[in-house]
Amino acid sequence: MRTIVAAAGALAFMTAAALAADTEGEIKQVDIEKMTITLDNGKTYRLPSEMDMSVLSEGVVVIIAYDSRDGVNQITDMLIP
C-alpha cells in the first residue's frame, strides 16, 4: 500500500512540475481590470491578486514563471531585471 501511495505522490509531483513554465519578454499591454499583462510573444498572463501593478507598464522587460491551467497562464513568480 505504501508503494502505491508513494507512486501516486511522485506522479502528482511530476504532473505539477510539467505544468510550470517560464518566459522572458517585453510587456506590450497591461490590463489593470483583468489583472493581466500581454508580452511581445502575444501571450497573455494573469497576475496574482497581491501583485502591485504600479511597477508594470508597456516596454518593461520581465521574466516570469507561470502555470497553464484551463487555458489561463497564471503567473507564479516575476522578476524585473
PDB file of N, CA and C in Angstrom:
ATOM      1  N   MET A   1       0.824  -1.199   0.000  1.00  0.00           N
ATOM      2  CA  MET A   1       0.000   0.000   0.000  1.00  0.00           C
ATOM      3  C   MET A   1       0.865   1.259   0.000  1.00  0.00           C
ATOM      4  N   ARG A   2       1.942   1.234   0.771  1.00  0.00           N
ATOM      5  CA  ARG A   2       2.837   2.400   0.822  1.00  0.00           C
ATOM      6  C   ARG A   2       3.433   2.698  -0.552  1.00  0.00           C
ATOM      7  N   THR A   3       3.727   1.644  -1.299  1.00  0.00           N
ATOM      8  CA  THR A   3       4.310   1.806  -2.631  1.00  0.00           C
ATOM      9  C   THR A   3       3.332   2.525  -3.552  1.00  0.00           C
ATOM     10  N   ILE A   4       2.061   2.163  -3.471  1.00  0.00           N
ATOM     11  CA  ILE A   4       1.046   2.806  -4.305  1.00  0.00           C
ATOM     12  C   ILE A   4       0.900   4.278  -3.941  1.00  0.00           C
ATOM     13  N   VAL A   5       0.875   4.575  -2.653  1.00  0.00           N
ATOM     14  CA  VAL A   5       0.754   5.963  -2.205  1.00  0.00           C
ATOM     15  C   VAL A   5       1.974   6.764  -2.638  1.00  0.00           C
ATOM     16  N   ALA A   6       3.169   6.198  -2.489  1.00  0.00           N
ATOM     17  CA  ALA A   6       4.391   6.887  -2.897  1.00  0.00           C
ATOM     18  C   ALA A   6       4.413   7.130  -4.403  1.00  0.00           C
ATOM     19  N   ALA A   7       3.983   6.121  -5.168  1.00  0.00           N
ATOM     20  CA  ALA A   7       3.951   6.275  -6.630  1.00  0.00           C
ATOM     21  C   ALA A   7       2.944   7.346  -7.036  1.00  0.00           C
ATOM     22  N   ALA A   8       1.792   7.376  -6.392  1.00  0.00           N
ATOM     23  CA  ALA A   8       0.780   8.393  -6.704  1.00  0.00           C
ATOM     24  C   ALA A   8       1.288   9.780  -6.364  1.00  0.00           C
ATOM     25  N   GLY A   9       1.980   9.905  -5.246  1.00  0.00           N
ATOM     26  CA  GLY A   9       2.552  11.198  -4.864  1.00  0.00           C
ATOM     27  C   GLY A   9       3.608  11.666  -5.846  1.00  0.00           C
ATOM     28  N   ALA A  10       4.462  10.750  -6.271  1.00  0.00           N
ATOM     29  CA  ALA A  10       5.501  11.098  -7.242  1.00  0.00           C
ATOM     30  C   ALA A  10       4.886  11.513  -8.567  1.00  0.00           C
ATOM     31  N   LEU A  11       3.844  10.815  -8.983  1.00  0.00           N
ATOM     32  CA  LEU A  11       3.167  11.152 -10.241  1.00  0.00           C
ATOM     33  C   LEU A  11       2.530  12.540 -10.143  1.00  0.00           C
ATOM     34  N   ALA A  12       1.898  12.849  -9.031  1.00  0.00           N
ATOM     35  CA  ALA A  12       1.289  14.168  -8.845  1.00  0.00           C
ATOM     36  C   ALA A  12       2.351  15.256  -8.877  1.00  0.00           C
ATOM     37  N   PHE A  13       3.495  15.013  -8.256  1.00  0.00           N
ATOM     38  CA  PHE A  13       4.585  15.994  -8.259  1.00  0.00           C
ATOM     39  C   PHE A  13       5.102  16.225  -9.669  1.00  0.00           C
ATOM     40  N   MET A  14       5.285  15.164 -10.433  1.00  0.00           N
ATOM     41  CA  MET A  14       5.784  15.305 -11.802  1.00  0.00           C
ATOM     42  C   MET A  14       4.764  16.019 -12.684  1.00  0.00           C
ATOM     43  N   THR A  15       3.491  15.757 -12.493  1.00  0.00           N
ATOM     44  CA  THR A  15       2.451  16.415 -13.275  1.00  0.00           C
ATOM     45  C   THR A  15       2.433  17.904 -12.984  1.00  0.00           C
ATOM     46  N   ALA A  16       2.525  18.290 -11.726  1.00  0.00           N
ATOM     47  CA  ALA A  16       2.545  19.709 -11.354  1.00  0.00           C
ATOM     48  C   ALA A  16       3.763  20.397 -11.952  1.00  0.00           C
ATOM     49  N   ALA A  17       4.904  19.728 -11.916  1.00  0.00           N
ATOM     50  CA  ALA A  17       6.120  20.316 -12.478  1.00  0.00           C
ATOM     51  C   ALA A  17       5.998  20.471 -13.987  1.00  0.00           C
ATOM     52  N   ALA A  18       5.289  19.565 -14.627  1.00  0.00           N
ATOM     53  CA  ALA A  18       5.137  19.633 -16.080  1.00  0.00           C
ATOM     54  C   ALA A  18       4.284  20.833 -16.488  1.00  0.00           C
ATOM     55  N   LEU A  19       3.413  21.294 -15.637  1.00  0.00           N
ATOM     56  CA  LEU A  19       2.566  22.430 -15.952  1.00  0.00           C
ATOM     57  C   LEU A  19       3.299  23.760 -15.820  1.00  0.00           C
ATOM     58  N   ALA A  20       4.353  23.786 -15.034  1.00  0.00           N
ATOM     59  CA  ALA A  20       5.088  25.022 -14.796  1.00  0.00           C
ATOM     60  C   ALA A  20       5.967  25.354 -16.001  1.00  0.00           C
ATOM     61  N   ALA A  21       6.082  26.634 -16.282  1.00  0.00           N
ATOM     62  CA  ALA A  21       6.921  27.090 -17.384  1.00  0.00           C
ATOM     63  C   ALA A  21       7.459  28.474 -17.041  1.00  0.00           C
ATOM     64  N   ASP A  22       8.376  28.959 -17.852  1.00  0.00           N
ATOM     65  CA  ASP A  22       8.865  30.321 -17.663  1.00  0.00           C
ATOM     66  C   ASP A  22       9.124  30.953 -19.022  1.00  0.00           C
ATOM     67  N   THR A  23       9.153  32.268 -19.020  1.00  0.00           N
ATOM     68  CA  THR A  23       9.390  33.009 -20.254  1.00  0.00           C
ATOM     69  C   THR A  23       9.943  34.381 -19.908  1.00  0.00           C
ATOM     70  N   GLU A  24      10.481  35.038 -20.895  1.00  0.00           N
ATOM     71  CA  GLU A  24      11.001  36.390 -20.742  1.00  0.00           C
ATOM     72  C   GLU A  24      10.483  37.214 -21.916  1.00  0.00           C
ATOM     73  N   GLY A  25      10.154  38.462 -21.659  1.00  0.00           N
ATOM     74  CA  GLY A  25       9.693  39.299 -22.745  1.00  0.00           C
ATOM     75  C   GLY A  25       9.386  40.711 -22.303  1.00  0.00           C
ATOM     76  N   GLU A  26       9.026  41.507 -23.285  1.00  0.00           N
ATOM     77  CA  GLU A  26       8.674  42.908 -23.054  1.00  0.00           C
ATOM     78  C   GLU A  26       7.158  43.024 -22.956  1.00  0.00           C
ATOM     79  N   ILE A  27       6.703  43.769 -21.961  1.00  0.00           N
ATOM     80  CA  ILE A  27       5.270  43.976 -21.791  1.00  0.00           C
ATOM     81  C   ILE A  27       4.768  44.881 -22.911  1.00  0.00           C
ATOM     82  N   LYS A  28       3.744  44.403 -23.615  1.00  0.00           N
ATOM     83  CA  LYS A  28       3.121  45.173 -24.690  1.00  0.00           C
ATOM     84  C   LYS A  28       1.799  45.794 -24.252  1.00  0.00           C
ATOM     85  N   GLN A  29       1.136  45.167 -23.257  1.00  0.00           N
ATOM     86  CA  GLN A  29      -0.146  45.692 -22.790  1.00  0.00           C
ATOM     87  C   GLN A  29      -0.353  45.295 -21.333  1.00  0.00           C
ATOM     88  N   VAL A  30      -0.913  46.234 -20.555  1.00  0.00           N
ATOM     89  CA  VAL A  30      -1.273  45.986 -19.162  1.00  0.00           C
ATOM     90  C   VAL A  30      -2.766  46.238 -19.031  1.00  0.00           C
ATOM     91  N   ASP A  31      -3.501  45.247 -18.509  1.00  0.00           N
ATOM     92  CA  ASP A  31      -4.938  45.395 -18.277  1.00  0.00           C
ATOM     93  C   ASP A  31      -5.172  45.330 -16.770  1.00  0.00           C
ATOM     94  N   ILE A  32      -5.338  46.494 -16.156  1.00  0.00           N
ATOM     95  CA  ILE A  32      -5.487  46.588 -14.702  1.00  0.00           C
ATOM     96  C   ILE A  32      -6.772  45.918 -14.236  1.00  0.00           C
ATOM     97  N   GLU A  33      -7.857  46.080 -14.983  1.00  0.00           N
ATOM     98  CA  GLU A  33      -9.139  45.497 -14.579  1.00  0.00           C
ATOM     99  C   GLU A  33      -9.113  43.970 -14.577  1.00  0.00           C
ATOM    100  N   LYS A  34      -8.487  43.379 -15.590  1.00  0.00           N
ATOM    101  CA  LYS A  34      -8.419  41.915 -15.686  1.00  0.00           C
ATOM    102  C   LYS A  34      -7.209  41.341 -14.966  1.00  0.00           C
ATOM    103  N   MET A  35      -6.308  42.218 -14.479  1.00  0.00           N
ATOM    104  CA  MET A  35      -5.072  41.799 -13.807  1.00  0.00           C
ATOM    105  C   MET A  35      -4.220  40.925 -14.733  1.00  0.00           C
ATOM    106  N   THR A  36      -4.034  41.391 -15.984  1.00  0.00           N
ATOM    107  CA  THR A  36      -3.244  40.633 -16.950  1.00  0.00           C
ATOM    108  C   THR A  36      -2.203  41.516 -17.620  1.00  0.00           C
ATOM    109  N   ILE A  37      -1.184  40.869 -18.133  1.00  0.00           N
ATOM    110  CA  ILE A  37      -0.210  41.521 -18.998  1.00  0.00           C
ATOM    111  C   ILE A  37      -0.097  40.688 -20.267  1.00  0.00           C
ATOM    112  N   THR A  38       0.197  41.348 -21.364  1.00  0.00           N
ATOM    113  CA  THR A  38       0.461  40.671 -22.626  1.00  0.00           C
ATOM    114  C   THR A  38       1.898  40.986 -23.007  1.00  0.00           C
ATOM    115  N   LEU A  39       2.655  39.953 -23.319  1.00  0.00           N
ATOM    116  CA  LEU A  39       4.054  40.128 -23.689  1.00  0.00           C
ATOM    117  C   LEU A  39       4.215  40.200 -25.200  1.00  0.00           C
ATOM    118  N   ASP A  40       5.429  40.506 -25.628  1.00  0.00           N
ATOM    119  CA  ASP A  40       5.714  40.629 -27.055  1.00  0.00           C
ATOM    120  C   ASP A  40       5.608  39.295 -27.794  1.00  0.00           C
ATOM    121  N   ASN A  41       5.442  38.192 -27.062  1.00  0.00           N
ATOM    122  CA  ASN A  41       5.223  36.899 -27.713  1.00  0.00           C
ATOM    123  C   ASN A  41       3.745  36.692 -28.051  1.00  0.00           C
ATOM    124  N   GLY A  42       2.898  37.674 -27.686  1.00  0.00           N
ATOM    125  CA  GLY A  42       1.473  37.619 -27.986  1.00  0.00           C
ATOM    126  C   GLY A  42       0.639  36.906 -26.943  1.00  0.00           C
ATOM    127  N   LYS A  43       1.271  36.289 -25.959  1.00  0.00           N
ATOM    128  CA  LYS A  43       0.543  35.562 -24.926  1.00  0.00           C
ATOM    129  C   LYS A  43       0.179  36.483 -23.759  1.00  0.00           C
ATOM    130  N   THR A  44      -0.976  36.182 -23.150  1.00  0.00           N
ATOM    131  CA  THR A  44      -1.459  36.949 -22.013  1.00  0.00           C
ATOM    132  C   THR A  44      -1.283  36.120 -20.752  1.00  0.00           C
ATOM    133  N   TYR A  45      -0.873  36.789 -19.671  1.00  0.00           N
ATOM    134  CA  TYR A  45      -0.590  36.133 -18.403  1.00  0.00           C
ATOM    135  C   TYR A  45      -1.350  36.852 -17.291  1.00  0.00           C
ATOM    136  N   ARG A  46      -1.998  36.064 -16.418  1.00  0.00           N
ATOM    137  CA  ARG A  46      -2.758  36.636 -15.300  1.00  0.00           C
ATOM    138  C   ARG A  46      -1.838  36.814 -14.099  1.00  0.00           C
ATOM    139  N   LEU A  47      -1.939  37.995 -13.489  1.00  0.00           N
ATOM    140  CA  LEU A  47      -1.124  38.321 -12.325  1.00  0.00           C
ATOM    141  C   LEU A  47      -1.795  37.843 -11.045  1.00  0.00           C
ATOM    142  N   PRO A  48      -1.004  37.546 -10.013  1.00  0.00           N
ATOM    143  CA  PRO A  48      -1.591  37.213  -8.721  1.00  0.00           C
ATOM    144  C   PRO A  48      -2.305  38.442  -8.146  1.00  0.00           C
ATOM    145  N   SER A  49      -3.341  38.215  -7.364  1.00  0.00           N
ATOM    146  CA  SER A  49      -4.150  39.324  -6.835  1.00  0.00           C
ATOM    147  C   SER A  49      -3.354  40.268  -5.946  1.00  0.00           C
ATOM    148  N   GLU A  50      -2.292  39.787  -5.316  1.00  0.00           N
ATOM    149  CA  GLU A  50      -1.495  40.643  -4.425  1.00  0.00           C
ATOM    150  C   GLU A  50      -0.413  41.442  -5.157  1.00  0.00           C
ATOM    151  N   MET A  51      -0.337  41.316  -6.472  1.00  0.00           N
ATOM    152  CA  MET A  51       0.688  41.999  -7.260  1.00  0.00           C
ATOM    153  C   MET A  51       0.465  43.501  -7.293  1.00  0.00           C
ATOM    154  N   ASP A  52       1.534  44.251  -7.082  1.00  0.00           N
ATOM    155  CA  ASP A  52       1.500  45.710  -7.194  1.00  0.00           C
ATOM    156  C   ASP A  52       1.703  46.062  -8.663  1.00  0.00           C
ATOM    157  N   MET A  53       0.623  46.398  -9.328  1.00  0.00           N
ATOM    158  CA  MET A  53       0.690  46.657 -10.763  1.00  0.00           C
ATOM    159  C   MET A  53       1.294  48.013 -11.103  1.00  0.00           C
ATOM    160  N   SER A  54       1.549  48.848 -10.113  1.00  0.00           N
ATOM    161  CA  SER A  54       2.087  50.180 -10.389  1.00  0.00           C
ATOM    162  C   SER A  54       3.497  50.123 -10.975  1.00  0.00           C
ATOM    163  N   VAL A  55       4.204  49.010 -10.804  1.00  0.00           N
ATOM    164  CA  VAL A  55       5.561  48.889 -11.339  1.00  0.00           C
ATOM    165  C   VAL A  55       5.568  48.340 -12.762  1.00  0.00           C
ATOM    166  N   LEU A  56       4.392  47.988 -13.277  1.00  0.00           N
ATOM    167  CA  LEU A  56       4.301  47.407 -14.614  1.00  0.00           C
ATOM    168  C   LEU A  56       3.780  48.423 -15.615  1.00  0.00           C
ATOM    169  N   SER A  57       4.448  48.497 -16.748  1.00  0.00           N
ATOM    170  CA  SER A  57       3.993  49.369 -17.827  1.00  0.00           C
ATOM    171  C   SER A  57       4.539  48.825 -19.140  1.00  0.00           C
ATOM    172  N   GLU A  58       3.994  49.325 -20.219  1.00  0.00           N
ATOM    173  CA  GLU A  58       4.454  48.897 -21.533  1.00  0.00           C
ATOM    174  C   GLU A  58       5.942  49.200 -21.673  1.00  0.00           C
ATOM    175  N   GLY A  59       6.655  48.270 -22.275  1.00  0.00           N
ATOM    176  CA  GLY A  59       8.087  48.442 -22.503  1.00  0.00           C
ATOM    177  C   GLY A  59       8.974  47.847 -21.432  1.00  0.00           C
ATOM    178  N   VAL A  60       8.411  47.471 -20.285  1.00  0.00           N
ATOM    179  CA  VAL A  60       9.195  46.857 -19.214  1.00  0.00           C
ATOM    180  C   VAL A  60       9.479  45.403 -19.575  1.00  0.00           C
ATOM    181  N   VAL A  61      10.719  44.983 -19.412  1.00  0.00           N
ATOM    182  CA  VAL A  61      11.111  43.597 -19.668  1.00  0.00           C
ATOM    183  C   VAL A  61      10.945  42.821 -18.368  1.00  0.00           C
ATOM    184  N   VAL A  62      10.298  41.648 -18.462  1.00  0.00           N
ATOM    185  CA  VAL A  62      10.063  40.812 -17.291  1.00  0.00           C
ATOM    186  C   VAL A  62      10.461  39.374 -17.573  1.00  0.00           C
ATOM    187  N   ILE A  63      10.790  38.672 -16.519  1.00  0.00           N
ATOM    188  CA  ILE A  63      10.990  37.230 -16.562  1.00  0.00           C
ATOM    189  C   ILE A  63       9.915  36.665 -15.642  1.00  0.00           C
ATOM    190  N   ILE A  64       9.098  35.754 -16.167  1.00  0.00           N
ATOM    191  CA  ILE A  64       8.014  35.218 -15.358  1.00  0.00           C
ATOM    192  C   ILE A  64       8.028  33.691 -15.339  1.00  0.00           C
ATOM    193  N   ALA A  65       7.568  33.162 -14.229  1.00  0.00           N
ATOM    194  CA  ALA A  65       7.261  31.739 -14.103  1.00  0.00           C
ATOM    195  C   ALA A  65       5.747  31.664 -14.019  1.00  0.00           C
ATOM    196  N   TYR A  66       5.176  30.671 -14.677  1.00  0.00           N
ATOM    197  CA  TYR A  66       3.716  30.590 -14.696  1.00  0.00           C
ATOM    198  C   TYR A  66       3.252  29.142 -14.829  1.00  0.00           C
ATOM    199  N   ASP A  67       2.002  28.926 -14.449  1.00  0.00           N
ATOM    200  CA  ASP A  67       1.337  27.645 -14.631  1.00  0.00           C
ATOM    201  C   ASP A  67       0.230  27.839 -15.649  1.00  0.00           C
ATOM    202  N   SER A  68       0.091  26.904 -16.565  1.00  0.00           N
ATOM    203  CA  SER A  68      -1.001  26.937 -17.543  1.00  0.00           C
ATOM    204  C   SER A  68      -2.059  25.935 -17.133  1.00  0.00           C
ATOM    205  N   ARG A  69      -3.265  26.454 -16.851  1.00  0.00           N
ATOM    206  CA  ARG A  69      -4.381  25.582 -16.475  1.00  0.00           C
ATOM    207  C   ARG A  69      -5.652  26.123 -17.088  1.00  0.00           C
ATOM    208  N   ASP A  70      -6.369  25.252 -17.744  1.00  0.00           N
ATOM    209  CA  ASP A  70      -7.656  25.605 -18.358  1.00  0.00           C
ATOM    210  C   ASP A  70      -7.537  26.819 -19.271  1.00  0.00           C
ATOM    211  N   GLY A  71      -6.439  26.904 -20.000  1.00  0.00           N
ATOM    212  CA  GLY A  71      -6.240  27.988 -20.948  1.00  0.00           C
ATOM    213  C   GLY A  71      -5.800  29.312 -20.348  1.00  0.00           C
ATOM    214  N   VAL A  72      -5.498  29.317 -19.042  1.00  0.00           N
ATOM    215  CA  VAL A  72      -5.064  30.543 -18.364  1.00  0.00           C
ATOM    216  C   VAL A  72      -3.609  30.379 -17.945  1.00  0.00           C
ATOM    217  N   ASN A  73      -2.791  31.366 -18.284  1.00  0.00           N
ATOM    218  CA  ASN A  73      -1.390  31.386 -17.869  1.00  0.00           C
ATOM    219  C   ASN A  73      -1.294  32.209 -16.589  1.00  0.00           C
ATOM    220  N   GLN A  74      -1.276  31.526 -15.432  1.00  0.00           N
ATOM    221  CA  GLN A  74      -1.256  32.188 -14.127  1.00  0.00           C
ATOM    222  C   GLN A  74       0.186  32.396 -13.688  1.00  0.00           C
ATOM    223  N   ILE A  75       0.578  33.647 -13.497  1.00  0.00           N
ATOM    224  CA  ILE A  75       1.942  33.962 -13.072  1.00  0.00           C
ATOM    225  C   ILE A  75       2.119  33.515 -11.629  1.00  0.00           C
ATOM    226  N   THR A  76       3.229  32.787 -11.384  1.00  0.00           N
ATOM    227  CA  THR A  76       3.553  32.355 -10.024  1.00  0.00           C
ATOM    228  C   THR A  76       4.742  33.122  -9.457  1.00  0.00           C
ATOM    229  N   ASP A  77       5.567  33.698 -10.333  1.00  0.00           N
ATOM    230  CA  ASP A  77       6.719  34.478  -9.893  1.00  0.00           C
ATOM    231  C   ASP A  77       7.129  35.413 -11.018  1.00  0.00           C
ATOM    232  N   MET A  78       7.628  36.597 -10.652  1.00  0.00           N
ATOM    233  CA  MET A  78       8.023  37.573 -11.660  1.00  0.00           C
ATOM    234  C   MET A  78       9.277  38.308 -11.213  1.00  0.00           C
ATOM    235  N   LEU A  79      10.162  38.555 -12.168  1.00  0.00           N
ATOM    236  CA  LEU A  79      11.392  39.296 -11.918  1.00  0.00           C
ATOM    237  C   LEU A  79      11.498  40.381 -12.961  1.00  0.00           C
ATOM    238  N   ILE A  80      11.823  41.584 -12.519  1.00  0.00           N
ATOM    239  CA  ILE A  80      12.096  42.692 -13.433  1.00  0.00           C
ATOM    240  C   ILE A  80      13.593  42.956 -13.347  1.00  0.00           C
ATOM    241  N   PRO A  81      14.337  42.463 -14.353  1.00  0.00           N
ATOM    242  CA  PRO A  81      15.816  42.570 -14.291  1.00  0.00           C
ATOM    243  C   PRO A  81      16.313  44.003 -14.411  1.00  0.00           C
TER     244      PRO A  81
END
